[in-house]
């Protein structure tokens, strides 16, 4: 049976990792799912970049300084997701939701 891990930034200070469940997404930490310390640190740095641009009062107004920064952030997120698949091994799928936070107004 395959397990699904969702990588989706949503709010400041969150891990960005979620497990789907019958009542919706449940936040988990990198350690909860067994990610390596190196990958957990990389994920935390990526989430710090998100935290720096996220406006809690007006999420849809949150934006990177320019398209180059946003593209770099998205590329790093994709690279982290690929590394997660390798780190977690068989039986896991990693779903990406890098822009869902834009609709959470």
N, C-alpha and C. Protein backbone atom coordinates (compact mmCIF):
# COMPACT_ATOMS: atom_id res chain seq x y z
N UNK A 1 0.84 -1.19 0.00
CA UNK A 1 0.00 0.00 0.00
C UNK A 1 0.88 1.24 0.00
N UNK A 2 0.58 2.15 -0.87
CA UNK A 2 1.35 3.38 -1.01
C UNK A 2 0.86 4.44 -0.03
N UNK A 3 1.80 5.17 0.52
CA UNK A 3 1.47 6.30 1.39
C UNK A 3 1.77 7.58 0.62
N UNK A 4 0.99 8.61 0.90
CA UNK A 4 1.16 9.89 0.22
C UNK A 4 1.63 10.94 1.21
N UNK A 5 2.62 11.70 0.80
CA UNK A 5 3.10 12.86 1.54
C UNK A 5 2.90 14.07 0.64
N UNK A 6 2.32 15.11 1.19
CA UNK A 6 2.06 16.33 0.42
C UNK A 6 3.03 17.40 0.89
N UNK A 7 3.72 18.03 -0.06
CA UNK A 7 4.57 19.17 0.27
C UNK A 7 3.81 20.41 -0.21
N UNK A 8 3.40 21.22 0.77
CA UNK A 8 2.54 22.36 0.47
C UNK A 8 2.72 23.45 1.51
N UNK A 9 3.43 24.51 1.17
CA UNK A 9 3.52 25.62 2.12
C UNK A 9 2.14 26.24 2.32
N UNK A 10 1.85 26.62 3.53
CA UNK A 10 0.52 27.17 3.79
C UNK A 10 0.54 28.35 4.76
N UNK A 11 1.21 28.21 5.87
CA UNK A 11 1.22 29.29 6.86
C UNK A 11 2.62 29.44 7.42
N UNK A 12 2.89 30.60 7.96
CA UNK A 12 4.20 30.88 8.55
C UNK A 12 4.45 29.91 9.70
N UNK A 13 5.68 29.42 9.75
CA UNK A 13 6.10 28.57 10.85
C UNK A 13 5.67 27.12 10.75
N UNK A 14 5.05 26.73 9.66
CA UNK A 14 4.63 25.34 9.49
C UNK A 14 5.72 24.55 8.78
N UNK A 15 5.61 23.23 8.86
CA UNK A 15 6.62 22.36 8.25
C UNK A 15 6.51 22.30 6.73
N UNK A 16 5.29 22.52 6.21
CA UNK A 16 5.07 22.38 4.77
C UNK A 16 4.77 20.96 4.35
N UNK A 17 4.71 20.04 5.32
CA UNK A 17 4.42 18.63 5.02
C UNK A 17 3.08 18.23 5.61
N UNK A 18 2.35 17.44 4.83
CA UNK A 18 1.00 17.03 5.22
C UNK A 18 0.76 15.60 4.81
N UNK A 19 -0.03 14.90 5.60
CA UNK A 19 -0.53 13.58 5.23
C UNK A 19 -2.03 13.72 4.98
N UNK A 20 -2.53 13.15 3.89
CA UNK A 20 -3.97 13.21 3.66
C UNK A 20 -4.69 12.24 4.59
N UNK A 21 -5.90 12.60 4.93
CA UNK A 21 -6.68 11.73 5.80
C UNK A 21 -8.16 11.93 5.55
N UNK A 22 -8.99 11.16 6.22
CA UNK A 22 -10.43 11.24 6.00
C UNK A 22 -11.02 12.61 6.38
N UNK A 23 -10.35 13.33 7.26
CA UNK A 23 -10.84 14.65 7.68
C UNK A 23 -10.02 15.78 7.07
N UNK A 24 -9.27 15.49 6.02
CA UNK A 24 -8.45 16.50 5.37
C UNK A 24 -6.98 16.29 5.68
N UNK A 25 -6.19 17.29 5.35
CA UNK A 25 -4.74 17.21 5.56
C UNK A 25 -4.39 17.35 7.04
N UNK A 26 -3.37 16.56 7.43
CA UNK A 26 -2.84 16.64 8.79
C UNK A 26 -1.36 16.99 8.69
N UNK A 27 -0.96 18.06 9.36
CA UNK A 27 0.43 18.49 9.32
C UNK A 27 1.32 17.48 10.03
N UNK A 28 2.49 17.24 9.44
CA UNK A 28 3.50 16.39 10.05
C UNK A 28 4.85 17.07 9.92
N UNK A 29 5.79 16.64 10.73
CA UNK A 29 7.16 17.13 10.64
C UNK A 29 8.00 16.14 9.83
N UNK A 30 9.14 16.60 9.35
CA UNK A 30 10.03 15.74 8.58
C UNK A 30 10.41 14.49 9.36
N UNK A 31 10.63 14.65 10.65
CA UNK A 31 11.01 13.53 11.50
C UNK A 31 9.88 12.50 11.61
N UNK A 32 8.62 12.99 11.58
CA UNK A 32 7.46 12.10 11.71
C UNK A 32 7.40 11.07 10.59
N UNK A 33 7.86 11.45 9.42
CA UNK A 33 7.79 10.54 8.27
C UNK A 33 9.13 9.90 7.94
N UNK A 34 10.16 10.22 8.72
CA UNK A 34 11.45 9.57 8.56
C UNK A 34 12.38 10.18 7.53
N UNK A 35 12.22 11.47 7.23
CA UNK A 35 13.16 12.12 6.31
C UNK A 35 14.51 12.28 6.99
N UNK A 36 15.57 12.23 6.21
CA UNK A 36 16.91 12.41 6.74
C UNK A 36 17.07 13.82 7.31
N UNK A 37 18.02 13.97 8.22
CA UNK A 37 18.26 15.29 8.83
C UNK A 37 18.68 16.30 7.77
N UNK A 38 19.49 15.86 6.82
CA UNK A 38 19.95 16.75 5.75
C UNK A 38 18.77 17.27 4.92
N UNK A 39 17.86 16.38 4.58
CA UNK A 39 16.70 16.78 3.78
C UNK A 39 15.75 17.64 4.62
N UNK A 40 15.61 17.32 5.89
CA UNK A 40 14.77 18.13 6.78
C UNK A 40 15.31 19.55 6.87
N UNK A 41 16.63 19.69 6.95
CA UNK A 41 17.25 21.02 7.00
C UNK A 41 17.03 21.77 5.69
N UNK A 42 17.13 21.08 4.60
CA UNK A 42 16.90 21.69 3.28
C UNK A 42 15.45 22.16 3.15
N UNK A 43 14.51 21.33 3.61
CA UNK A 43 13.10 21.69 3.60
C UNK A 43 12.86 22.92 4.48
N UNK A 44 13.47 22.95 5.65
CA UNK A 44 13.30 24.09 6.56
C UNK A 44 13.80 25.39 5.92
N UNK A 45 14.95 25.33 5.24
CA UNK A 45 15.48 26.53 4.57
C UNK A 45 14.53 26.98 3.46
N UNK A 46 13.96 26.04 2.73
CA UNK A 46 13.01 26.36 1.66
C UNK A 46 11.76 27.00 2.25
N UNK A 47 11.27 26.45 3.35
CA UNK A 47 10.09 27.02 4.01
C UNK A 47 10.40 28.40 4.59
N UNK A 48 11.63 28.63 5.04
CA UNK A 48 12.02 29.96 5.53
C UNK A 48 11.89 31.00 4.42
N UNK A 49 12.22 30.60 3.18
CA UNK A 49 12.06 31.52 2.04
C UNK A 49 10.58 31.86 1.85
N UNK A 50 9.72 30.87 2.01
CA UNK A 50 8.28 31.10 1.92
C UNK A 50 7.81 32.02 3.04
N UNK A 51 8.24 31.73 4.26
CA UNK A 51 7.83 32.55 5.41
C UNK A 51 8.19 34.01 5.21
N UNK A 52 9.32 34.27 4.53
CA UNK A 52 9.79 35.64 4.33
C UNK A 52 8.87 36.45 3.42
N UNK A 53 8.12 35.79 2.56
CA UNK A 53 7.25 36.54 1.62
C UNK A 53 5.78 36.43 1.95
N UNK A 54 5.43 35.54 2.86
CA UNK A 54 4.02 35.26 3.13
C UNK A 54 3.40 36.34 4.01
N UNK A 55 2.27 36.87 3.58
CA UNK A 55 1.52 37.88 4.32
C UNK A 55 0.29 37.19 4.93
N UNK A 56 0.34 36.96 6.25
CA UNK A 56 -0.76 36.26 6.91
C UNK A 56 -2.09 37.00 6.80
N UNK A 57 -2.03 38.33 6.77
CA UNK A 57 -3.25 39.12 6.70
C UNK A 57 -3.89 39.09 5.31
N UNK A 58 -3.06 38.93 4.30
CA UNK A 58 -3.56 38.91 2.92
C UNK A 58 -2.75 37.91 2.08
N UNK A 59 -3.00 36.61 2.27
CA UNK A 59 -2.20 35.58 1.60
C UNK A 59 -2.09 35.76 0.09
N UNK A 60 -3.17 36.17 -0.56
CA UNK A 60 -3.12 36.29 -2.02
C UNK A 60 -2.24 37.44 -2.47
N UNK A 61 -1.88 38.34 -1.58
CA UNK A 61 -0.98 39.45 -1.92
C UNK A 61 0.48 39.05 -1.73
N UNK A 62 0.72 37.90 -1.14
CA UNK A 62 2.10 37.43 -0.92
C UNK A 62 2.78 37.21 -2.27
N UNK A 63 4.01 37.67 -2.37
CA UNK A 63 4.72 37.53 -3.64
C UNK A 63 6.22 37.60 -3.44
N UNK A 64 6.93 36.92 -4.30
CA UNK A 64 8.38 37.02 -4.32
C UNK A 64 8.75 38.35 -4.96
N UNK A 65 9.97 38.80 -4.72
CA UNK A 65 10.42 40.10 -5.23
C UNK A 65 10.37 40.17 -6.75
N UNK A 66 10.65 39.05 -7.40
CA UNK A 66 10.61 39.01 -8.86
C UNK A 66 10.41 37.57 -9.32
N UNK A 67 10.19 37.42 -10.61
CA UNK A 67 9.92 36.10 -11.18
C UNK A 67 11.11 35.16 -11.03
N UNK A 68 12.32 35.69 -11.08
CA UNK A 68 13.51 34.85 -10.96
C UNK A 68 13.56 34.20 -9.57
N UNK A 69 13.27 34.98 -8.53
CA UNK A 69 13.26 34.43 -7.17
C UNK A 69 12.17 33.37 -7.02
N UNK A 70 11.01 33.64 -7.59
CA UNK A 70 9.93 32.66 -7.48
C UNK A 70 10.27 31.38 -8.24
N UNK A 71 10.85 31.51 -9.42
CA UNK A 71 11.24 30.33 -10.19
C UNK A 71 12.30 29.52 -9.45
N UNK A 72 13.24 30.20 -8.81
CA UNK A 72 14.28 29.51 -8.04
C UNK A 72 13.65 28.76 -6.86
N UNK A 73 12.68 29.40 -6.19
CA UNK A 73 12.00 28.77 -5.06
C UNK A 73 11.21 27.54 -5.53
N UNK A 74 10.49 27.67 -6.64
CA UNK A 74 9.74 26.55 -7.18
C UNK A 74 10.66 25.40 -7.60
N UNK A 75 11.79 25.74 -8.21
CA UNK A 75 12.75 24.71 -8.64
C UNK A 75 13.33 23.97 -7.43
N UNK A 76 13.63 24.70 -6.38
CA UNK A 76 14.15 24.06 -5.17
C UNK A 76 13.07 23.18 -4.54
N UNK A 77 11.84 23.63 -4.53
CA UNK A 77 10.75 22.80 -4.02
C UNK A 77 10.61 21.51 -4.80
N UNK A 78 10.71 21.59 -6.11
CA UNK A 78 10.64 20.40 -6.95
C UNK A 78 11.81 19.46 -6.65
N UNK A 79 13.01 20.02 -6.51
CA UNK A 79 14.19 19.21 -6.20
C UNK A 79 14.03 18.53 -4.83
N UNK A 80 13.47 19.24 -3.87
CA UNK A 80 13.23 18.65 -2.54
C UNK A 80 12.22 17.52 -2.65
N UNK A 81 11.16 17.71 -3.42
CA UNK A 81 10.14 16.67 -3.59
C UNK A 81 10.75 15.41 -4.21
N UNK A 82 11.60 15.58 -5.20
CA UNK A 82 12.27 14.43 -5.83
C UNK A 82 13.17 13.73 -4.81
N UNK A 83 13.91 14.52 -4.02
CA UNK A 83 14.78 13.95 -2.99
C UNK A 83 13.98 13.21 -1.92
N UNK A 84 12.78 13.70 -1.63
CA UNK A 84 11.92 13.03 -0.65
C UNK A 84 11.53 11.64 -1.13
N UNK A 85 11.18 11.52 -2.40
CA UNK A 85 10.83 10.21 -2.96
C UNK A 85 12.00 9.25 -2.79
N UNK A 86 13.21 9.72 -3.08
CA UNK A 86 14.40 8.89 -2.94
C UNK A 86 14.65 8.55 -1.47
N UNK A 87 14.47 9.53 -0.59
CA UNK A 87 14.74 9.37 0.84
C UNK A 87 13.74 8.41 1.50
N UNK A 88 12.47 8.54 1.14
CA UNK A 88 11.43 7.73 1.77
C UNK A 88 11.38 6.31 1.22
N UNK A 89 11.74 6.16 -0.04
CA UNK A 89 11.78 4.83 -0.63
C UNK A 89 10.45 4.37 -1.18
N UNK A 90 10.44 3.11 -1.55
CA UNK A 90 9.25 2.50 -2.16
C UNK A 90 8.08 2.59 -1.19
N UNK A 91 6.91 2.73 -1.77
CA UNK A 91 5.71 2.79 -0.94
C UNK A 91 5.26 4.20 -0.63
N UNK A 92 5.99 5.20 -1.08
CA UNK A 92 5.61 6.60 -0.85
C UNK A 92 5.46 7.32 -2.18
N UNK A 93 4.49 8.20 -2.24
CA UNK A 93 4.39 9.17 -3.33
C UNK A 93 4.42 10.55 -2.69
N UNK A 94 4.98 11.50 -3.40
CA UNK A 94 5.06 12.88 -2.91
C UNK A 94 4.27 13.76 -3.87
N UNK A 95 3.24 14.39 -3.35
CA UNK A 95 2.39 15.29 -4.13
C UNK A 95 2.84 16.71 -3.88
N UNK A 96 2.96 17.49 -4.94
CA UNK A 96 3.38 18.89 -4.83
C UNK A 96 2.17 19.81 -4.91
N UNK A 97 2.13 20.77 -4.00
CA UNK A 97 1.10 21.81 -4.02
C UNK A 97 1.80 23.12 -3.63
N UNK A 98 2.54 23.66 -4.58
CA UNK A 98 3.37 24.83 -4.29
C UNK A 98 2.63 26.15 -4.39
N UNK A 99 1.45 26.15 -4.95
CA UNK A 99 0.74 27.43 -5.14
C UNK A 99 -0.63 27.48 -4.47
N UNK A 100 -1.02 26.44 -3.77
CA UNK A 100 -2.32 26.41 -3.12
C UNK A 100 -2.53 27.53 -2.11
N UNK A 101 -1.45 28.00 -1.51
CA UNK A 101 -1.54 29.09 -0.53
C UNK A 101 -2.07 30.37 -1.15
N UNK A 102 -1.96 30.50 -2.45
CA UNK A 102 -2.46 31.72 -3.11
C UNK A 102 -3.98 31.78 -3.10
N UNK A 103 -4.63 30.63 -2.93
CA UNK A 103 -6.09 30.59 -2.92
C UNK A 103 -6.68 30.59 -1.52
N UNK A 104 -5.88 30.75 -0.49
CA UNK A 104 -6.36 30.63 0.89
C UNK A 104 -6.72 31.96 1.52
N UNK A 105 -7.28 32.84 0.75
CA UNK A 105 -7.65 34.16 1.30
C UNK A 105 -8.94 34.08 2.08
